[in-house]
Amino acid sequence: GSSGSSGGCQPSRVQAQGPGLKEAFTNKPNVFTVVTRGAGIGGLGITVEGPSESKINCRDNKDGSCSAEYIPFAPGDYDVNITYGGAHIPGSPFRVPVKDVVDPS
């Protein structure tokens, strides 16, 4: 055990939340927020693995949080991997079921 570590990188204190971590839809942005405030200095990494490649956009909110969105192109189960300083944060990888959007018309 290490004690009295101040400053370093603490991935266990990073929180991720948002609808895009619970369910998602194809061909539209699925949004979630990653809060790194209080977790020290580290590099945030987000990857989405699943039946298709997903385009990921991440925006720094300048308040210790980032807004991320991804657009999957095929339905199925996806894993959203969120790492901080190279280590998975609590809950990562997030298993997200992706569905096609049903057009009611």
N, C-alpha and C. Protein backbone atom coordinates (compact mmCIF):
# COMPACT_ATOMS: atom_id res chain seq x y z
N GLY A 1 0.78 -1.20 0.00
CA GLY A 1 0.00 0.00 0.00
C GLY A 1 0.81 1.25 0.00
N SER A 2 0.47 2.20 -0.82
CA SER A 2 1.12 3.50 -0.82
C SER A 2 0.23 4.48 -0.06
N SER A 3 0.83 5.33 0.74
CA SER A 3 0.04 6.28 1.52
C SER A 3 0.55 7.69 1.27
N GLY A 4 -0.35 8.65 1.47
CA GLY A 4 0.02 10.04 1.34
C GLY A 4 0.33 10.46 -0.08
N SER A 5 -0.26 9.78 -1.06
CA SER A 5 -0.03 10.19 -2.43
C SER A 5 -0.89 11.41 -2.73
N SER A 6 -0.26 12.50 -3.08
CA SER A 6 -1.02 13.69 -3.42
C SER A 6 -0.71 14.06 -4.86
N GLY A 7 -1.71 14.55 -5.54
CA GLY A 7 -1.48 14.96 -6.92
C GLY A 7 -1.74 13.86 -7.90
N GLY A 8 -1.07 12.73 -7.80
CA GLY A 8 -1.03 11.70 -8.85
C GLY A 8 -2.34 11.47 -9.58
N CYS A 9 -2.37 10.44 -10.35
CA CYS A 9 -3.54 10.12 -11.16
C CYS A 9 -4.37 9.07 -10.45
N GLN A 10 -5.66 9.35 -10.28
CA GLN A 10 -6.55 8.44 -9.55
C GLN A 10 -7.77 8.09 -10.41
N PRO A 11 -7.63 7.10 -11.27
CA PRO A 11 -8.75 6.73 -12.14
C PRO A 11 -10.00 6.32 -11.36
N SER A 12 -9.83 5.85 -10.14
CA SER A 12 -10.99 5.39 -9.37
C SER A 12 -11.91 6.54 -8.97
N ARG A 13 -11.44 7.77 -9.13
CA ARG A 13 -12.27 8.92 -8.77
C ARG A 13 -12.97 9.54 -9.98
N VAL A 14 -12.72 8.98 -11.15
CA VAL A 14 -13.39 9.48 -12.35
C VAL A 14 -14.79 8.89 -12.43
N GLN A 15 -15.76 9.73 -12.80
CA GLN A 15 -17.14 9.28 -12.93
C GLN A 15 -17.63 9.49 -14.35
N ALA A 16 -18.39 8.53 -14.83
CA ALA A 16 -19.02 8.67 -16.15
C ALA A 16 -20.51 8.45 -16.00
N GLN A 17 -21.28 9.28 -16.68
CA GLN A 17 -22.73 9.18 -16.57
C GLN A 17 -23.36 9.72 -17.84
N GLY A 18 -24.59 9.29 -18.09
CA GLY A 18 -25.30 9.81 -19.25
C GLY A 18 -26.05 8.72 -19.98
N PRO A 19 -27.01 9.15 -20.80
CA PRO A 19 -27.86 8.17 -21.51
C PRO A 19 -27.06 7.29 -22.45
N GLY A 20 -25.96 7.80 -23.01
CA GLY A 20 -25.17 7.02 -23.96
C GLY A 20 -24.43 5.85 -23.35
N LEU A 21 -24.45 5.75 -22.02
CA LEU A 21 -23.83 4.60 -21.36
C LEU A 21 -24.86 3.55 -20.97
N LYS A 22 -26.14 3.86 -21.16
CA LYS A 22 -27.20 2.92 -20.80
C LYS A 22 -27.79 2.25 -22.03
N GLU A 23 -28.07 3.07 -23.05
CA GLU A 23 -28.53 2.54 -24.32
C GLU A 23 -28.14 3.53 -25.40
N ALA A 24 -28.12 3.05 -26.64
CA ALA A 24 -27.70 3.93 -27.72
C ALA A 24 -28.45 3.54 -28.99
N PHE A 25 -28.39 4.44 -29.96
CA PHE A 25 -29.09 4.23 -31.22
C PHE A 25 -28.14 4.46 -32.40
N THR A 26 -28.38 3.73 -33.47
CA THR A 26 -27.50 3.83 -34.63
C THR A 26 -27.68 5.15 -35.36
N ASN A 27 -26.60 5.61 -35.97
CA ASN A 27 -26.62 6.77 -36.86
C ASN A 27 -27.07 8.05 -36.19
N LYS A 28 -26.91 8.14 -34.87
CA LYS A 28 -27.17 9.41 -34.20
C LYS A 28 -26.24 9.53 -33.01
N PRO A 29 -25.96 10.76 -32.57
CA PRO A 29 -25.02 10.94 -31.47
C PRO A 29 -25.61 10.44 -30.15
N ASN A 30 -24.83 9.64 -29.43
CA ASN A 30 -25.22 9.15 -28.12
C ASN A 30 -24.26 9.76 -27.11
N VAL A 31 -24.81 10.54 -26.20
CA VAL A 31 -24.02 11.46 -25.40
C VAL A 31 -23.83 10.93 -23.97
N PHE A 32 -22.64 11.14 -23.43
CA PHE A 32 -22.41 10.93 -22.01
C PHE A 32 -21.34 11.90 -21.53
N THR A 33 -21.22 12.01 -20.22
CA THR A 33 -20.29 12.96 -19.61
C THR A 33 -19.29 12.21 -18.75
N VAL A 34 -18.03 12.61 -18.84
CA VAL A 34 -16.99 12.04 -17.99
C VAL A 34 -16.46 13.15 -17.09
N VAL A 35 -16.54 12.93 -15.79
CA VAL A 35 -16.10 13.93 -14.82
C VAL A 35 -14.76 13.50 -14.25
N THR A 36 -13.72 14.29 -14.53
CA THR A 36 -12.37 13.95 -14.08
C THR A 36 -11.91 14.87 -12.94
N ARG A 37 -12.77 15.78 -12.54
CA ARG A 37 -12.41 16.71 -11.48
C ARG A 37 -12.06 15.94 -10.21
N GLY A 38 -10.92 16.22 -9.61
CA GLY A 38 -10.53 15.56 -8.37
C GLY A 38 -9.80 14.25 -8.58
N ALA A 39 -9.53 13.90 -9.83
CA ALA A 39 -8.87 12.62 -10.11
C ALA A 39 -7.40 12.80 -10.46
N GLY A 40 -6.87 14.01 -10.26
CA GLY A 40 -5.47 14.24 -10.58
C GLY A 40 -5.27 14.49 -12.06
N ILE A 41 -4.00 14.44 -12.46
CA ILE A 41 -3.65 14.70 -13.86
C ILE A 41 -3.44 13.38 -14.58
N GLY A 42 -4.17 13.20 -15.66
CA GLY A 42 -4.02 11.99 -16.45
C GLY A 42 -4.65 12.19 -17.80
N GLY A 43 -4.36 11.28 -18.69
CA GLY A 43 -4.94 11.36 -20.03
C GLY A 43 -6.22 10.56 -20.09
N LEU A 44 -7.30 11.20 -20.60
CA LEU A 44 -8.57 10.52 -20.74
C LEU A 44 -8.62 9.80 -22.08
N GLY A 45 -9.00 8.53 -22.04
CA GLY A 45 -9.11 7.76 -23.26
C GLY A 45 -10.48 7.13 -23.37
N ILE A 46 -11.12 7.27 -24.54
CA ILE A 46 -12.44 6.69 -24.76
C ILE A 46 -12.41 5.92 -26.07
N THR A 47 -12.76 4.63 -25.99
CA THR A 47 -12.89 3.84 -27.20
C THR A 47 -14.21 3.08 -27.14
N VAL A 48 -14.80 2.86 -28.29
CA VAL A 48 -16.05 2.11 -28.38
C VAL A 48 -15.81 0.91 -29.29
N GLU A 49 -16.07 -0.29 -28.74
CA GLU A 49 -15.87 -1.51 -29.50
C GLU A 49 -17.21 -2.20 -29.71
N GLY A 50 -17.43 -2.70 -30.91
CA GLY A 50 -18.68 -3.38 -31.19
C GLY A 50 -18.75 -3.82 -32.63
N PRO A 51 -19.99 -4.09 -33.10
CA PRO A 51 -20.17 -4.58 -34.47
C PRO A 51 -19.73 -3.60 -35.56
N SER A 52 -19.64 -2.33 -35.24
CA SER A 52 -19.17 -1.37 -36.23
C SER A 52 -18.19 -0.40 -35.58
N GLU A 53 -17.43 0.28 -36.41
CA GLU A 53 -16.61 1.37 -35.93
C GLU A 53 -17.53 2.50 -35.48
N SER A 54 -17.15 3.18 -34.41
CA SER A 54 -17.95 4.30 -33.93
C SER A 54 -17.09 5.55 -33.93
N LYS A 55 -17.65 6.60 -34.48
CA LYS A 55 -16.97 7.89 -34.48
C LYS A 55 -17.20 8.55 -33.13
N ILE A 56 -16.12 8.97 -32.48
CA ILE A 56 -16.22 9.56 -31.14
C ILE A 56 -15.77 11.01 -31.18
N ASN A 57 -16.59 11.88 -30.61
CA ASN A 57 -16.22 13.27 -30.42
C ASN A 57 -16.18 13.56 -28.93
N CYS A 58 -15.15 14.28 -28.50
CA CYS A 58 -15.02 14.61 -27.08
C CYS A 58 -14.78 16.11 -26.96
N ARG A 59 -15.51 16.74 -26.04
CA ARG A 59 -15.36 18.18 -25.85
C ARG A 59 -15.07 18.47 -24.40
N ASP A 60 -14.00 19.22 -24.16
CA ASP A 60 -13.64 19.60 -22.81
C ASP A 60 -14.52 20.76 -22.36
N ASN A 61 -15.22 20.57 -21.23
CA ASN A 61 -16.10 21.62 -20.73
C ASN A 61 -15.38 22.65 -19.87
N LYS A 62 -14.08 22.47 -19.69
CA LYS A 62 -13.24 23.41 -18.93
C LYS A 62 -13.62 23.50 -17.46
N ASP A 63 -14.44 22.56 -16.97
CA ASP A 63 -14.82 22.61 -15.56
C ASP A 63 -14.51 21.27 -14.88
N GLY A 64 -13.60 20.51 -15.47
CA GLY A 64 -13.27 19.22 -14.91
C GLY A 64 -14.13 18.09 -15.45
N SER A 65 -14.85 18.38 -16.52
CA SER A 65 -15.66 17.34 -17.15
C SER A 65 -15.54 17.43 -18.66
N CYS A 66 -15.84 16.32 -19.33
CA CYS A 66 -15.85 16.28 -20.78
C CYS A 66 -17.18 15.73 -21.26
N SER A 67 -17.69 16.30 -22.33
CA SER A 67 -18.86 15.75 -22.99
C SER A 67 -18.39 14.92 -24.17
N ALA A 68 -18.83 13.65 -24.19
CA ALA A 68 -18.44 12.76 -25.27
C ALA A 68 -19.69 12.28 -26.00
N GLU A 69 -19.53 12.05 -27.29
CA GLU A 69 -20.62 11.47 -28.05
C GLU A 69 -20.04 10.51 -29.07
N TYR A 70 -20.79 9.44 -29.34
CA TYR A 70 -20.34 8.49 -30.34
C TYR A 70 -21.52 8.09 -31.22
N ILE A 71 -21.19 7.73 -32.47
CA ILE A 71 -22.21 7.38 -33.45
C ILE A 71 -21.91 5.98 -33.97
N PRO A 72 -22.63 4.97 -33.45
CA PRO A 72 -22.47 3.62 -34.00
C PRO A 72 -23.28 3.47 -35.28
N PHE A 73 -22.84 2.56 -36.15
CA PHE A 73 -23.51 2.42 -37.44
C PHE A 73 -24.22 1.09 -37.60
N ALA A 74 -24.08 0.20 -36.61
CA ALA A 74 -24.76 -1.09 -36.68
C ALA A 74 -25.29 -1.43 -35.29
N PRO A 75 -26.47 -2.08 -35.22
CA PRO A 75 -27.01 -2.45 -33.93
C PRO A 75 -26.23 -3.61 -33.31
N GLY A 76 -26.38 -3.80 -32.00
CA GLY A 76 -25.69 -4.88 -31.30
C GLY A 76 -25.20 -4.40 -29.96
N ASP A 77 -24.38 -5.24 -29.30
CA ASP A 77 -23.82 -4.86 -28.01
C ASP A 77 -22.46 -4.21 -28.21
N TYR A 78 -22.28 -3.07 -27.59
CA TYR A 78 -21.02 -2.34 -27.68
C TYR A 78 -20.40 -2.22 -26.29
N ASP A 79 -19.08 -2.16 -26.26
CA ASP A 79 -18.36 -1.88 -25.03
C ASP A 79 -17.75 -0.49 -25.12
N VAL A 80 -18.12 0.38 -24.18
CA VAL A 80 -17.53 1.71 -24.10
C VAL A 80 -16.42 1.65 -23.06
N ASN A 81 -15.19 1.75 -23.52
CA ASN A 81 -14.03 1.71 -22.63
C ASN A 81 -13.62 3.13 -22.29
N ILE A 82 -13.58 3.45 -21.00
CA ILE A 82 -13.14 4.77 -20.56
C ILE A 82 -11.96 4.58 -19.63
N THR A 83 -10.83 5.11 -20.04
CA THR A 83 -9.62 4.98 -19.23
C THR A 83 -9.10 6.36 -18.85
N TYR A 84 -8.39 6.40 -17.74
CA TYR A 84 -7.79 7.64 -17.27
C TYR A 84 -6.38 7.30 -16.80
N GLY A 85 -5.40 7.92 -17.43
CA GLY A 85 -4.02 7.58 -17.11
C GLY A 85 -3.70 6.13 -17.45
N GLY A 86 -4.44 5.58 -18.42
CA GLY A 86 -4.17 4.23 -18.86
C GLY A 86 -4.90 3.14 -18.10
N ALA A 87 -5.68 3.51 -17.08
CA ALA A 87 -6.40 2.52 -16.28
C ALA A 87 -7.91 2.73 -16.42
N HIS A 88 -8.65 1.63 -16.42
CA HIS A 88 -10.11 1.73 -16.53
C HIS A 88 -10.69 2.43 -15.31
N ILE A 89 -11.70 3.27 -15.55
CA ILE A 89 -12.41 3.91 -14.45
C ILE A 89 -13.47 2.94 -13.94
N PRO A 90 -14.07 3.21 -12.76
CA PRO A 90 -15.11 2.31 -12.25
C PRO A 90 -16.26 2.15 -13.24
N GLY A 91 -16.65 0.89 -13.48
CA GLY A 91 -17.74 0.62 -14.40
C GLY A 91 -17.31 0.35 -15.82
N SER A 92 -16.07 0.71 -16.14
CA SER A 92 -15.57 0.50 -17.50
C SER A 92 -15.01 -0.91 -17.63
N PRO A 93 -15.26 -1.58 -18.76
CA PRO A 93 -16.05 -1.11 -19.90
C PRO A 93 -17.55 -1.18 -19.65
N PHE A 94 -18.25 -0.18 -20.19
CA PHE A 94 -19.70 -0.12 -20.08
C PHE A 94 -20.31 -0.91 -21.24
N ARG A 95 -21.16 -1.90 -20.93
CA ARG A 95 -21.83 -2.66 -21.98
C ARG A 95 -23.12 -1.94 -22.36
N VAL A 96 -23.19 -1.50 -23.61
CA VAL A 96 -24.33 -0.70 -24.07
C VAL A 96 -25.02 -1.40 -25.23
N PRO A 97 -26.34 -1.68 -25.09
CA PRO A 97 -27.08 -2.22 -26.22
C PRO A 97 -27.45 -1.12 -27.20
N VAL A 98 -27.11 -1.33 -28.47
CA VAL A 98 -27.38 -0.35 -29.52
C VAL A 98 -28.51 -0.88 -30.42
N LYS A 99 -29.50 -0.04 -30.63
CA LYS A 99 -30.64 -0.42 -31.45
C LYS A 99 -30.77 0.51 -32.66
N ASP A 100 -31.41 0.00 -33.70
CA ASP A 100 -31.77 0.87 -34.81
C ASP A 100 -32.91 1.78 -34.39
N VAL A 101 -32.91 3.01 -34.90
CA VAL A 101 -34.00 3.93 -34.64
C VAL A 101 -35.19 3.50 -35.48
N VAL A 102 -36.33 3.32 -34.82
CA VAL A 102 -37.54 2.93 -35.53
C VAL A 102 -38.27 4.17 -36.03
N ASP A 103 -38.43 4.25 -37.32
CA ASP A 103 -39.14 5.39 -37.88
C ASP A 103 -40.62 5.10 -37.90
N PRO A 104 -41.43 5.88 -37.18
CA PRO A 104 -42.86 5.58 -37.04
C PRO A 104 -43.67 5.82 -38.31
N SER A 105 -43.09 6.53 -39.26
CA SER A 105 -43.89 6.86 -40.45
C SER A 105 -44.09 5.64 -41.35
